[in-house]
């Protein structure tokens, strides 16, 4: 889905959607690439000058490019809720304006288990109408599905427990009683698989590189696992995140 940014002289610039993307200032219209997420991002600087950039064209506003609107000293990567600005070979990841309040990260633990809290948080947000639509297709699929199958319960049943107002720990207790109670070794195996998915497996050569592009992240962003991609996309990632999670 493409978007257009309209305006000529500073804020506020308005979106016109969904149409062919173009930047209408101060350079000629620039066509932007298609990204995985349906919504483009605006990043607000202290000057409150909102801007949108294209990775392909390296466009920078005059205020950030040393007086030259067409400067290629830096370029932007736009995708999902994450905005990355490369300048002089360095990359600074900045949170976008579409943070999802209430969503848990992949490494958040419930009785030692990674991801379970994230699955529950998505169910709650969906029930409250606060989960972005681009998450809908994977509800109960992917890591959600793997987690439920490993616990020996259905996603639909887990969803019912969450929607009934139970805490993450209470839902996991229910899974223990109605599915499989995991011992310490089984939790270790689960955490190891989930956190390393994408690293040295069937996703490494094609899926992970493709998703890096789909998420609008730079090729050298450092993502090697699915967890990395999710954490980067939602603005939580830092290099030692995995190490801290295992402590």
Protein backbone atom coordinates (compact mmCIF):
# COMPACT_ATOMS: atom_id res chain seq x y z
CA UNK A 1 0.00 0.00 0.00
CA UNK A 2 1.40 3.39 -0.98
CA UNK A 3 0.82 6.77 0.56
CA UNK A 4 1.34 10.36 -0.52
CA UNK A 5 2.71 13.14 1.58
CA UNK A 6 1.39 16.55 0.63
CA UNK A 7 2.53 20.05 1.53
CA UNK A 8 5.20 22.57 0.74
CA UNK A 9 6.36 24.60 3.68
CA UNK A 10 6.72 22.84 6.98
CA UNK A 11 4.13 21.24 9.23
CA UNK A 12 1.56 20.01 9.23
CA UNK A 13 1.91 17.77 6.22
CA UNK A 14 -1.13 15.62 5.54
CA UNK A 15 -1.43 12.09 4.26
CA UNK A 16 -3.50 11.27 1.22
CA UNK A 17 -4.07 7.51 1.21
CA UNK A 18 -3.99 5.00 -0.34
CA UNK A 19 -2.48 6.34 -3.57
CA UNK A 20 0.82 6.44 -5.40
CA UNK A 21 3.43 7.77 -3.04
CA UNK A 22 5.08 11.07 -3.72
CA UNK A 23 6.83 13.76 -1.80
CA UNK A 24 5.56 17.18 -2.82
CA UNK A 25 8.39 19.38 -1.50
CA UNK A 26 10.97 20.74 -2.18
CA UNK A 27 12.08 18.19 -4.78
CA UNK A 28 10.04 16.70 -7.65
CA UNK A 29 7.67 13.86 -6.69
CA UNK A 30 9.53 10.76 -5.56
CA UNK A 31 7.96 7.31 -5.78
CA UNK A 32 8.44 5.33 -2.59
CA UNK A 33 8.86 1.59 -2.36
CA UNK A 34 6.11 -0.66 -1.10
CA UNK A 35 6.50 -1.79 2.49
CA UNK A 36 4.99 -4.60 4.52
CA UNK A 37 3.07 -2.27 6.80
CA UNK A 38 -0.06 -0.50 5.54
CA UNK A 39 0.74 2.79 7.25
CA UNK A 40 3.66 5.07 6.54
CA UNK A 41 5.53 6.72 9.37
CA UNK A 42 6.13 10.31 10.26
CA UNK A 43 9.02 11.20 12.50
CA UNK A 44 8.84 14.43 14.44
CA UNK A 45 12.04 16.29 15.25
CA UNK A 46 12.47 19.07 17.78
CA UNK A 47 11.64 21.57 15.06
CA UNK A 48 8.36 19.69 14.58
CA UNK A 49 9.28 19.32 10.92
CA UNK A 50 7.61 16.10 9.83
CA UNK A 51 9.15 14.24 6.97
CA UNK A 52 9.07 11.06 4.98
CA UNK A 53 12.02 9.68 3.04
CA UNK A 54 12.79 6.97 0.51
CA UNK A 55 15.55 4.43 0.89
CA UNK A 56 16.01 4.31 -2.88
CA UNK A 57 16.35 8.04 -3.42
CA UNK A 58 18.14 9.08 -0.24
CA UNK A 59 16.11 12.27 0.04
CA UNK A 60 16.69 14.47 3.05
CA UNK A 61 14.93 17.70 3.99
CA UNK A 62 16.99 20.85 3.68
CA UNK A 63 17.20 21.30 7.44
CA UNK A 64 19.04 17.97 7.81
CA UNK A 65 21.18 17.90 4.69
CA UNK A 66 23.51 20.82 5.08
CA UNK A 67 21.38 23.14 2.96
CA UNK A 68 21.06 20.80 0.00
CA UNK A 69 17.59 19.22 -0.27
CA UNK A 70 18.92 16.54 -2.60
CA UNK A 71 21.86 15.55 -0.47
CA UNK A 72 22.67 11.86 -0.28
CA UNK A 73 24.75 12.18 2.87
CA UNK A 74 22.09 10.20 4.63
CA UNK A 75 19.06 8.17 3.82
CA UNK A 76 16.02 6.83 5.60
CA UNK A 77 14.51 3.40 5.96
CA UNK A 78 10.76 3.44 6.45
CA UNK A 79 8.77 0.44 7.59
CA UNK A 80 6.36 -0.67 10.27
CA UNK A 81 6.77 1.24 13.50
CA UNK A 82 10.51 1.55 13.15
CA UNK A 83 12.45 4.35 11.51
CA UNK A 84 16.18 4.10 10.86
CA UNK A 85 18.32 7.02 9.72
CA UNK A 86 21.72 6.23 8.29
CA UNK A 87 24.33 8.97 8.31
CA UNK A 88 27.99 8.53 7.49
CA UNK A 89 27.79 4.77 7.78
CA UNK A 90 26.11 4.69 11.16
CA UNK A 91 22.54 3.72 11.82
CA UNK A 92 20.34 5.16 14.53
CA UNK A 93 17.08 3.34 15.19
CA UNK A 94 14.37 5.70 16.29
CA UNK A 95 10.90 4.73 17.51
CA UNK A 96 8.11 5.59 15.12
CA UNK A 97 4.87 7.21 16.12
CA UNK A 98 2.79 4.02 16.00
CA UNK A 99 3.85 2.39 19.23
CA UNK A 100 1.48 -0.35 20.36
CA UNK A 101 0.75 0.29 24.01
CA UNK A 102 0.25 -2.93 25.92
CA UNK A 103 2.02 -5.34 23.58
CA UNK A 104 4.68 -7.53 25.18
CA UNK A 105 8.05 -8.29 23.67
CA UNK A 106 9.17 -11.73 22.56
CA UNK A 107 11.59 -12.15 25.45
CA UNK A 108 9.15 -11.28 28.23
CA UNK A 109 8.84 -14.35 30.43
CA UNK A 110 5.89 -16.11 32.00
CA UNK A 111 7.19 -18.65 34.53
CA UNK A 112 10.40 -18.74 32.53
CA UNK A 113 8.78 -19.09 29.09
CA UNK A 114 9.59 -16.60 26.36
CA UNK A 115 6.82 -15.29 24.10
CA UNK A 116 3.78 -16.57 26.02
CA UNK A 117 3.15 -13.08 27.44
CA UNK A 118 3.31 -11.62 23.94
CA UNK A 119 0.71 -14.04 22.63
CA UNK A 120 -1.62 -13.17 25.51
CA UNK A 121 -1.07 -9.44 25.05
CA UNK A 122 -2.02 -9.64 21.38
CA UNK A 123 -5.22 -11.46 22.29
CA UNK A 124 -6.11 -8.74 24.81
CA UNK A 125 -5.34 -5.92 22.40
CA UNK A 126 -7.38 -7.62 19.68
CA UNK A 127 -10.34 -8.01 22.04
CA UNK A 128 -10.07 -4.33 22.97
CA UNK A 129 -9.85 -3.22 19.36
CA UNK A 130 -6.35 -1.84 19.85
CA UNK A 131 -4.32 -4.33 17.82
CA UNK A 132 -3.30 -3.01 14.37
CA UNK A 133 -4.96 -4.86 11.50
CA UNK A 134 -1.68 -6.03 10.01
CA UNK A 135 -1.31 -8.37 13.01
CA UNK A 136 -4.65 -10.08 12.45
CA UNK A 137 -3.53 -12.66 9.87
CA UNK A 138 -0.96 -14.20 12.20
CA UNK A 139 -3.15 -14.47 15.29
CA UNK A 140 -3.01 -18.14 16.23
CA UNK A 141 -0.43 -18.78 13.51
CA UNK A 142 3.37 -18.74 13.53
CA UNK A 143 4.79 -18.53 17.03
CA UNK A 144 1.28 -18.37 18.53
CA UNK A 145 0.47 -21.73 16.99
CA UNK A 146 3.80 -23.31 17.90
CA UNK A 147 3.44 -22.19 21.51
CA UNK A 148 -0.06 -23.63 21.86
CA UNK A 149 0.86 -26.91 20.17
CA UNK A 150 3.90 -27.28 22.42
CA UNK A 151 1.63 -26.78 25.43
CA UNK A 152 -0.91 -29.26 24.05
CA UNK A 153 -3.80 -26.79 23.89
CA UNK A 154 -5.66 -24.97 21.14
CA UNK A 155 -5.17 -21.29 20.43
CA UNK A 156 -8.92 -20.77 20.54
CA UNK A 157 -9.07 -22.18 24.07
CA UNK A 158 -6.17 -20.01 25.21
CA UNK A 159 -7.87 -16.99 23.65
CA UNK A 160 -11.02 -17.72 25.64
CA UNK A 161 -9.03 -17.84 28.87
CA UNK A 162 -7.30 -14.54 28.13
CA UNK A 163 -10.55 -12.84 27.13
CA UNK A 164 -12.11 -14.04 30.39
CA UNK A 165 -9.75 -11.69 32.20
CA UNK A 166 -7.15 -14.13 33.47
CA UNK A 167 -3.53 -13.09 33.97
CA UNK A 168 -0.71 -14.61 31.92
CA UNK A 169 0.26 -16.84 34.85
CA UNK A 170 -3.34 -17.99 35.33
CA UNK A 171 -3.65 -18.80 31.63
CA UNK A 172 -0.42 -20.79 31.74
CA UNK A 173 -1.70 -22.64 34.82
CA UNK A 174 -4.80 -23.50 32.81
CA UNK A 175 -2.59 -24.81 30.01
CA UNK A 176 -0.73 -26.98 32.52
CA UNK A 177 -4.00 -28.49 33.71
CA UNK A 178 -5.56 -28.98 30.30
CA UNK A 179 -2.51 -29.67 28.16
CA UNK A 180 1.11 -30.40 28.96
CA UNK A 181 2.93 -29.16 32.05
CA UNK A 182 6.44 -28.33 30.91
CA UNK A 183 9.43 -29.24 33.01
CA UNK A 184 12.58 -27.09 33.15
CA UNK A 185 14.25 -28.92 30.27
CA UNK A 186 11.20 -28.57 28.04
CA UNK A 187 11.05 -24.83 28.77
CA UNK A 188 14.75 -24.60 27.88
CA UNK A 189 14.14 -26.41 24.58
CA UNK A 190 11.16 -24.16 23.80
CA UNK A 191 13.05 -20.95 24.62
CA UNK A 192 16.07 -22.05 22.62
CA UNK A 193 14.02 -22.86 19.54
CA UNK A 194 11.84 -19.76 19.69
CA UNK A 195 14.64 -17.28 20.31
CA UNK A 196 16.95 -18.76 17.67
CA UNK A 197 14.40 -19.32 14.90
CA UNK A 198 15.92 -17.87 11.73
CA UNK A 199 19.53 -18.44 12.81
CA UNK A 200 21.28 -21.30 11.01
CA UNK A 201 18.05 -22.97 9.87
CA UNK A 202 15.74 -23.10 6.87
CA UNK A 203 14.82 -19.40 7.25
CA UNK A 204 18.39 -18.09 7.23
CA UNK A 205 19.19 -17.76 3.54
CA UNK A 206 15.93 -16.44 2.14
CA UNK A 207 13.22 -15.69 4.71
CA UNK A 208 15.19 -13.50 7.12
CA UNK A 209 16.80 -11.34 4.38
CA UNK A 210 13.41 -10.97 2.69
CA UNK A 211 11.76 -9.95 5.93
CA UNK A 212 14.48 -7.41 6.66
CA UNK A 213 13.48 -5.74 3.40
CA UNK A 214 9.77 -6.10 4.09
CA UNK A 215 10.16 -4.50 7.49
CA UNK A 216 12.04 -1.61 5.89
CA UNK A 217 15.21 -2.28 7.88
CA UNK A 218 18.74 -1.73 6.55
CA UNK A 219 20.54 -4.85 5.35
CA UNK A 220 23.19 -4.46 8.03
CA UNK A 221 20.70 -3.95 10.88
CA UNK A 222 21.98 -7.04 12.68
CA UNK A 223 18.76 -9.07 12.60
CA UNK A 224 19.45 -12.81 12.46
CA UNK A 225 16.31 -14.23 14.10
CA UNK A 226 12.56 -13.74 13.97
CA UNK A 227 12.72 -12.31 17.49
CA UNK A 228 15.25 -9.73 16.27
CA UNK A 229 12.91 -8.63 13.49
CA UNK A 230 9.92 -8.28 15.80
CA UNK A 231 11.86 -6.39 18.46
CA UNK A 232 13.39 -4.04 15.87
CA UNK A 233 10.05 -3.45 14.18
CA UNK A 234 8.44 -2.46 17.47
CA UNK A 235 11.34 -0.36 18.68
CA UNK A 236 12.61 -2.41 21.65
CA UNK A 237 15.70 -4.06 20.20
CA UNK A 238 19.25 -3.48 21.41
CA UNK A 239 22.35 -5.63 20.71
CA UNK A 240 22.50 -7.42 24.07
CA UNK A 241 18.76 -8.03 24.36
CA UNK A 242 19.10 -11.77 23.83
CA UNK A 243 21.93 -12.00 26.36
CA UNK A 244 19.98 -10.14 29.02
CA UNK A 245 16.94 -12.34 28.40
CA UNK A 246 18.91 -15.47 29.20
CA UNK A 247 20.28 -14.17 32.50
